[in-house]
C-alpha atoms as a PDB file:
ATOM      1  CA  MET A   1     119.150   7.828  51.198  1.00  0.00           C
ATOM      2  CA  GLU A   2     120.481  10.172  48.503  1.00  0.00           C
ATOM      3  CA  GLU A   3     120.254   9.375  44.876  1.00  0.00           C
ATOM      4  CA  VAL A   4     122.745   6.674  43.916  1.00  0.00           C
ATOM      5  CA  TYR A   5     123.989   5.168  40.540  1.00  0.00           C
ATOM      6  CA  LEU A   6     126.438   2.581  39.255  1.00  0.00           C
ATOM      7  CA  VAL A   7     129.657   3.639  37.688  1.00  0.00           C
ATOM      8  CA  ARG A   8     132.209   1.527  35.950  1.00  0.00           C
ATOM      9  CA  PRO A   9     135.669   1.811  37.575  1.00  0.00           C
ATOM     10  CA  ALA A  10     137.557   4.641  35.854  1.00  0.00           C
ATOM     11  CA  ALA A  11     140.651   6.881  36.405  1.00  0.00           C
ATOM     12  CA  ASP A  12     138.414   9.925  37.132  1.00  0.00           C
ATOM     13  CA  TRP A  13     137.036   8.114  40.178  1.00  0.00           C
ATOM     14  CA  LYS A  14     140.395   7.706  41.763  1.00  0.00           C
ATOM     15  CA  GLU A  15     139.973   9.956  44.882  1.00  0.00           C
ATOM     16  CA  PRO A  16     136.461   8.832  45.699  1.00  0.00           C
ATOM     17  CA  TYR A  17     137.578   5.231  45.370  1.00  0.00           C
ATOM     18  CA  LEU A  18     140.660   5.650  47.535  1.00  0.00           C
ATOM     19  CA  ASP A  19     138.569   7.259  50.171  1.00  0.00           C
ATOM     20  CA  PHE A  20     136.231   4.246  50.014  1.00  0.00           C
ATOM     21  CA  TYR A  21     139.024   1.742  50.079  1.00  0.00           C
ATOM     22  CA  ARG A  22     140.910   3.474  53.044  1.00  0.00           C
ATOM     23  CA  GLU A  23     137.705   3.563  55.135  1.00  0.00           C
ATOM     24  CA  TRP A  24     137.317  -0.227  54.673  1.00  0.00           C
ATOM     25  CA  ILE A  25     140.901  -1.070  55.414  1.00  0.00           C
ATOM     26  CA  ALA A  26     140.809   1.191  58.490  1.00  0.00           C
ATOM     27  CA  SER A  27     137.590  -0.689  59.736  1.00  0.00           C
ATOM     28  CA  GLY A  28     139.583  -3.898  59.916  1.00  0.00           C
ATOM     29  CA  GLU A  29     136.493  -5.815  58.554  1.00  0.00           C
ATOM     30  CA  ASP A  30     136.417  -8.377  55.877  1.00  0.00           C
ATOM     31  CA  ILE A  31     136.167  -6.690  52.489  1.00  0.00           C
ATOM     32  CA  VAL A  32     133.379  -7.696  50.204  1.00  0.00           C
ATOM     33  CA  PRO A  33     133.334  -8.089  47.291  1.00  0.00           C
ATOM     34  CA  TRP A  34     136.774  -9.692  47.019  1.00  0.00           C
ATOM     35  CA  VAL A  35     137.926  -7.311  44.140  1.00  0.00           C
ATOM     36  CA  VAL A  36     138.012  -4.434  46.608  1.00  0.00           C
ATOM     37  CA  GLU A  37     140.908  -6.184  48.376  1.00  0.00           C
ATOM     38  CA  ARG A  38     143.088  -5.359  45.315  1.00  0.00           C
ATOM     39  CA  ASP A  39     145.784  -2.879  46.183  1.00  0.00           C
ATOM     40  CA  PRO A  40     144.914   0.459  44.400  1.00  0.00           C
ATOM     41  CA  SER A  41     148.210   2.109  44.877  1.00  0.00           C
ATOM     42  CA  ASP A  42     148.811   1.765  41.031  1.00  0.00           C
ATOM     43  CA  PHE A  43     145.278   2.904  40.244  1.00  0.00           C
ATOM     44  CA  GLU A  44     145.593   2.575  36.521  1.00  0.00           C
ATOM     45  CA  ALA A  45     146.857  -0.891  36.774  1.00  0.00           C
ATOM     46  CA  MET A  46     143.997  -1.774  39.128  1.00  0.00           C
ATOM     47  CA  ILE A  47     141.442  -0.337  36.533  1.00  0.00           C
ATOM     48  CA  GLN A  48     143.020  -2.488  33.817  1.00  0.00           C
ATOM     49  CA  TRP A  49     142.991  -5.603  36.047  1.00  0.00           C
ATOM     50  CA  LEU A  50     139.248  -4.999  36.612  1.00  0.00           C
ATOM     51  CA  GLU A  51     138.722  -4.551  32.876  1.00  0.00           C
ATOM     52  CA  ASP A  52     140.694  -7.802  32.277  1.00  0.00           C
ATOM     53  CA  GLN A  53     138.462  -9.614  34.822  1.00  0.00           C
ATOM     54  CA  ALA A  54     135.327  -8.523  32.967  1.00  0.00           C
ATOM     55  CA  SER A  55     136.638  -9.537  29.559  1.00  0.00           C
ATOM     56  CA  GLY A  56     138.102 -12.836  30.882  1.00  0.00           C
ATOM     57  CA  ALA A  57     141.573 -11.944  29.846  1.00  0.00           C
ATOM     58  CA  GLY A  58     144.273 -13.891  31.738  1.00  0.00           C
ATOM     59  CA  LEU A  59     141.993 -15.483  34.235  1.00  0.00           C
ATOM     60  CA  PRO A  60     143.304 -18.508  36.264  1.00  0.00           C
ATOM     61  CA  ASP A  61     141.944 -21.907  35.386  1.00  0.00           C
ATOM     62  CA  GLY A  62     138.423 -22.421  36.764  1.00  0.00           C
ATOM     63  CA  TRP A  63     137.718 -18.686  37.043  1.00  0.00           C
ATOM     64  CA  VAL A  64     134.895 -16.931  35.329  1.00  0.00           C
ATOM     65  CA  PRO A  65     134.678 -13.409  33.994  1.00  0.00           C
ATOM     66  CA  GLY A  66     133.245 -10.811  36.437  1.00  0.00           C
ATOM     67  CA  SER A  67     132.295  -7.214  35.936  1.00  0.00           C
ATOM     68  CA  THR A  68     132.833  -4.755  38.799  1.00  0.00           C
ATOM     69  CA  TYR A  69     130.820  -1.549  39.428  1.00  0.00           C
ATOM     70  CA  TRP A  70     130.884   1.027  42.160  1.00  0.00           C
ATOM     71  CA  LEU A  71     127.798   2.504  43.676  1.00  0.00           C
ATOM     72  CA  ALA A  72     128.155   6.234  43.805  1.00  0.00           C
ATOM     73  CA  ALA A  73     126.144   8.840  45.611  1.00  0.00           C
ATOM     74  CA  GLY A  74     125.225  12.142  44.099  1.00  0.00           C
ATOM     75  CA  ASP A  75     128.215  13.924  45.645  1.00  0.00           C
ATOM     76  CA  ARG A  76     130.699  11.433  43.905  1.00  0.00           C
ATOM     77  CA  THR A  77     131.101   9.451  47.111  1.00  0.00           C
ATOM     78  CA  ILE A  78     131.532   5.723  46.489  1.00  0.00           C
ATOM     79  CA  VAL A  79     129.350   3.934  49.000  1.00  0.00           C
ATOM     80  CA  GLY A  80     129.491   0.464  47.679  1.00  0.00           C
ATOM     81  CA  ALA A  81     130.940  -2.043  45.137  1.00  0.00           C
ATOM     82  CA  VAL A  82     129.633  -5.121  43.373  1.00  0.00           C
ATOM     83  CA  ASN A  83     131.337  -7.922  41.447  1.00  0.00           C
ATOM     84  CA  ILE A  84     128.951  -9.705  39.000  1.00  0.00           C
ATOM     85  CA  ARG A  85     130.149 -13.093  37.806  1.00  0.00           C
ATOM     86  CA  HIS A  86     129.063 -13.874  34.253  1.00  0.00           C
ATOM     87  CA  ASP A  87     128.773 -17.652  34.987  1.00  0.00           C
ATOM     88  CA  LEU A  88     129.051 -20.044  37.876  1.00  0.00           C
ATOM     89  CA  SER A  89     131.841 -22.508  38.512  1.00  0.00           C
ATOM     90  CA  LEU A  90     131.184 -25.289  41.075  1.00  0.00           C
ATOM     91  CA  TRP A  91     132.877 -23.196  43.805  1.00  0.00           C
ATOM     92  CA  LEU A  92     130.681 -20.198  42.929  1.00  0.00           C
ATOM     93  CA  LEU A  93     127.545 -22.358  42.840  1.00  0.00           C
ATOM     94  CA  ASN A  94     128.194 -23.342  46.429  1.00  0.00           C
ATOM     95  CA  ARG A  95     129.925 -20.351  48.038  1.00  0.00           C
ATOM     96  CA  GLY A  96     129.979 -17.248  45.874  1.00  0.00           C
ATOM     97  CA  GLY A  97     126.999 -16.824  43.532  1.00  0.00           C
ATOM     98  CA  HIS A  98     126.680 -14.516  40.662  1.00  0.00           C
ATOM     99  CA  ILE A  99     126.731 -11.315  42.784  1.00  0.00           C
ATOM    100  CA  GLY A 100     129.088 -10.257  45.552  1.00  0.00           C
ATOM    101  CA  TYR A 101     128.482  -6.858  46.971  1.00  0.00           C
ATOM    102  CA  GLY A 102     129.409  -4.653  49.870  1.00  0.00           C
ATOM    103  CA  ILE A 103     128.711  -1.234  51.429  1.00  0.00           C
ATOM    104  CA  ARG A 104     131.329   0.851  53.078  1.00  0.00           C
ATOM    105  CA  PRO A 105     131.057   0.722  56.927  1.00  0.00           C
ATOM    106  CA  SER A 106     129.917   4.425  57.289  1.00  0.00           C
ATOM    107  CA  ALA A 107     127.061   3.959  54.716  1.00  0.00           C
ATOM    108  CA  ARG A 108     125.377   0.831  56.066  1.00  0.00           C
ATOM    109  CA  ARG A 109     121.700   0.623  57.295  1.00  0.00           C
ATOM    110  CA  LYS A 110     120.695   3.312  54.839  1.00  0.00           C
ATOM    111  CA  GLY A 111     119.159   1.243  52.112  1.00  0.00           C
ATOM    112  CA  TYR A 112     122.191   1.275  49.810  1.00  0.00           C
ATOM    113  CA  ALA A 113     122.655  -2.457  49.705  1.00  0.00           C
ATOM    114  CA  THR A 114     119.137  -3.101  48.569  1.00  0.00           C
ATOM    115  CA  GLN A 115     119.550  -0.562  45.750  1.00  0.00           C
ATOM    116  CA  LEU A 116     123.020  -1.924  44.821  1.00  0.00           C
ATOM    117  CA  LEU A 117     121.506  -5.430  44.488  1.00  0.00           C
ATOM    118  CA  ALA A 118     118.559  -4.199  42.433  1.00  0.00           C
ATOM    119  CA  PHE A 119     121.045  -2.377  40.011  1.00  0.00           C
ATOM    120  CA  SER A 120     123.180  -5.542  39.870  1.00  0.00           C
ATOM    121  CA  LEU A 121     120.121  -7.594  38.876  1.00  0.00           C
ATOM    122  CA  GLU A 122     119.586  -5.276  35.940  1.00  0.00           C
ATOM    123  CA  LYS A 123     123.195  -5.881  34.927  1.00  0.00           C
ATOM    124  CA  THR A 124     122.729  -9.630  35.089  1.00  0.00           C
ATOM    125  CA  LYS A 125     119.719  -9.226  32.639  1.00  0.00           C
ATOM    126  CA  GLU A 126     122.038  -7.371  30.348  1.00  0.00           C
ATOM    127  CA  LEU A 127     124.375 -10.354  30.503  1.00  0.00           C
ATOM    128  CA  GLY A 128     121.540 -12.772  29.698  1.00  0.00           C
ATOM    129  CA  ILE A 129     121.560 -14.483  33.065  1.00  0.00           C
ATOM    130  CA  LYS A 130     117.993 -15.522  33.693  1.00  0.00           C
ATOM    131  CA  ARG A 131     118.395 -17.134  37.140  1.00  0.00           C
ATOM    132  CA  VAL A 132     120.691 -15.260  39.613  1.00  0.00           C
ATOM    133  CA  LEU A 133     122.348 -16.869  42.609  1.00  0.00           C
ATOM    134  CA  VAL A 134     123.137 -14.622  45.556  1.00  0.00           C
ATOM    135  CA  VAL A 135     124.615 -16.002  48.808  1.00  0.00           C
ATOM    136  CA  CYS A 136     125.464 -14.866  52.321  1.00  0.00           C
ATOM    137  CA  ASP A 137     126.739 -16.269  55.560  1.00  0.00           C
ATOM    138  CA  LYS A 138     124.045 -17.690  57.879  1.00  0.00           C
ATOM    139  CA  ASP A 139     124.784 -14.955  60.518  1.00  0.00           C
ATOM    140  CA  ASN A 140     124.606 -12.129  58.055  1.00  0.00           C
ATOM    141  CA  LEU A 141     120.903 -11.220  58.604  1.00  0.00           C
ATOM    142  CA  ALA A 142     121.223  -7.784  56.951  1.00  0.00           C
ATOM    143  CA  SER A 143     122.438  -9.400  53.635  1.00  0.00           C
ATOM    144  CA  ALA A 144     119.742 -12.078  53.885  1.00  0.00           C
ATOM    145  CA  LYS A 145     117.107  -9.313  54.249  1.00  0.00           C
ATOM    146  CA  THR A 146     118.539  -7.432  51.296  1.00  0.00           C
ATOM    147  CA  ILE A 147     118.420 -10.542  49.077  1.00  0.00           C
ATOM    148  CA  LEU A 148     114.847 -11.298  50.210  1.00  0.00           C
ATOM    149  CA  ASN A 149     113.807  -7.602  49.489  1.00  0.00           C
ATOM    150  CA  ASN A 150     115.055  -8.215  45.872  1.00  0.00           C
ATOM    151  CA  GLY A 151     112.930 -11.421  45.331  1.00  0.00           C
ATOM    152  CA  GLY A 152     115.393 -14.009  46.590  1.00  0.00           C
ATOM    153  CA  VAL A 153     114.006 -17.467  47.172  1.00  0.00           C
ATOM    154  CA  GLU A 154     116.039 -19.626  49.574  1.00  0.00           C
ATOM    155  CA  ASP A 155     117.489 -22.849  48.376  1.00  0.00           C
ATOM    156  CA  GLU A 156     119.475 -25.433  50.194  1.00  0.00           C
ATOM    157  CA  SER A 157     122.396 -24.011  52.264  1.00  0.00           C
ATOM    158  CA  PHE A 158     126.036 -25.047  51.813  1.00  0.00           C
ATOM    159  CA  VAL A 159     128.223 -25.948  54.784  1.00  0.00           C
ATOM    160  CA  GLU A 160     131.879 -25.194  54.376  1.00  0.00           C
ATOM    161  CA  GLU A 161     134.653 -27.436  55.668  1.00  0.00           C
ATOM    162  CA  ASN A 162     135.076 -25.142  58.717  1.00  0.00           C
ATOM    163  CA  GLY A 163     131.274 -25.473  59.606  1.00  0.00           C
ATOM    164  CA  ASN A 164     130.391 -21.986  58.177  1.00  0.00           C
ATOM    165  CA  VAL A 165     126.879 -22.161  56.657  1.00  0.00           C
ATOM    166  CA  ILE A 166     126.249 -20.313  53.519  1.00  0.00           C
ATOM    167  CA  ARG A 167     122.636 -19.432  52.671  1.00  0.00           C
ATOM    168  CA  ARG A 168     121.943 -19.659  48.970  1.00  0.00           C
ATOM    169  CA  PHE A 169     119.037 -17.638  47.254  1.00  0.00           C
ATOM    170  CA  TRP A 170     117.863 -17.624  43.674  1.00  0.00           C
ATOM    171  CA  ILE A 171     116.355 -14.650  41.948  1.00  0.00           C
ATOM    172  CA  GLU A 172     114.411 -15.015  38.694  1.00  0.00           C
ATOM    173  CA  GLY A 173     115.575 -12.455  36.109  1.00  0.00           C
END
């Protein structure tokens, strides 16, 4: 794995981000974290929207602020993204957790997810979050391994209305 680092979304990352986004769209897979689903065709507006999400400006009722970062490799390739929720709503307590992260399809199984979660845990410390909830679907064994590798301790699972089981892990900050 080459050297990686977190970057805040910014206009000078437009081309690397669009490459990341297009690959994920072309894969046909579900996009995680949810903020990556945002259409980047008006890139500057998307960056502003992400900044508003982080500051809490204009959030719908029941939503919490969330900071987004991109995981970049040394050659300015974006290999992953994370959305860090500053607090937990009831929905997030059961289904979403504090941290949602994803690695682009071509960069998986290279250790990036473990590093991205480790960097994200540093950001939660900066936000003053002492106990961090990270979740994954029961069948997502790679994500469960990533969470466990970062100190996750499994708690009671949550079963959604459709029967999907969400595994819930706490990590002490």
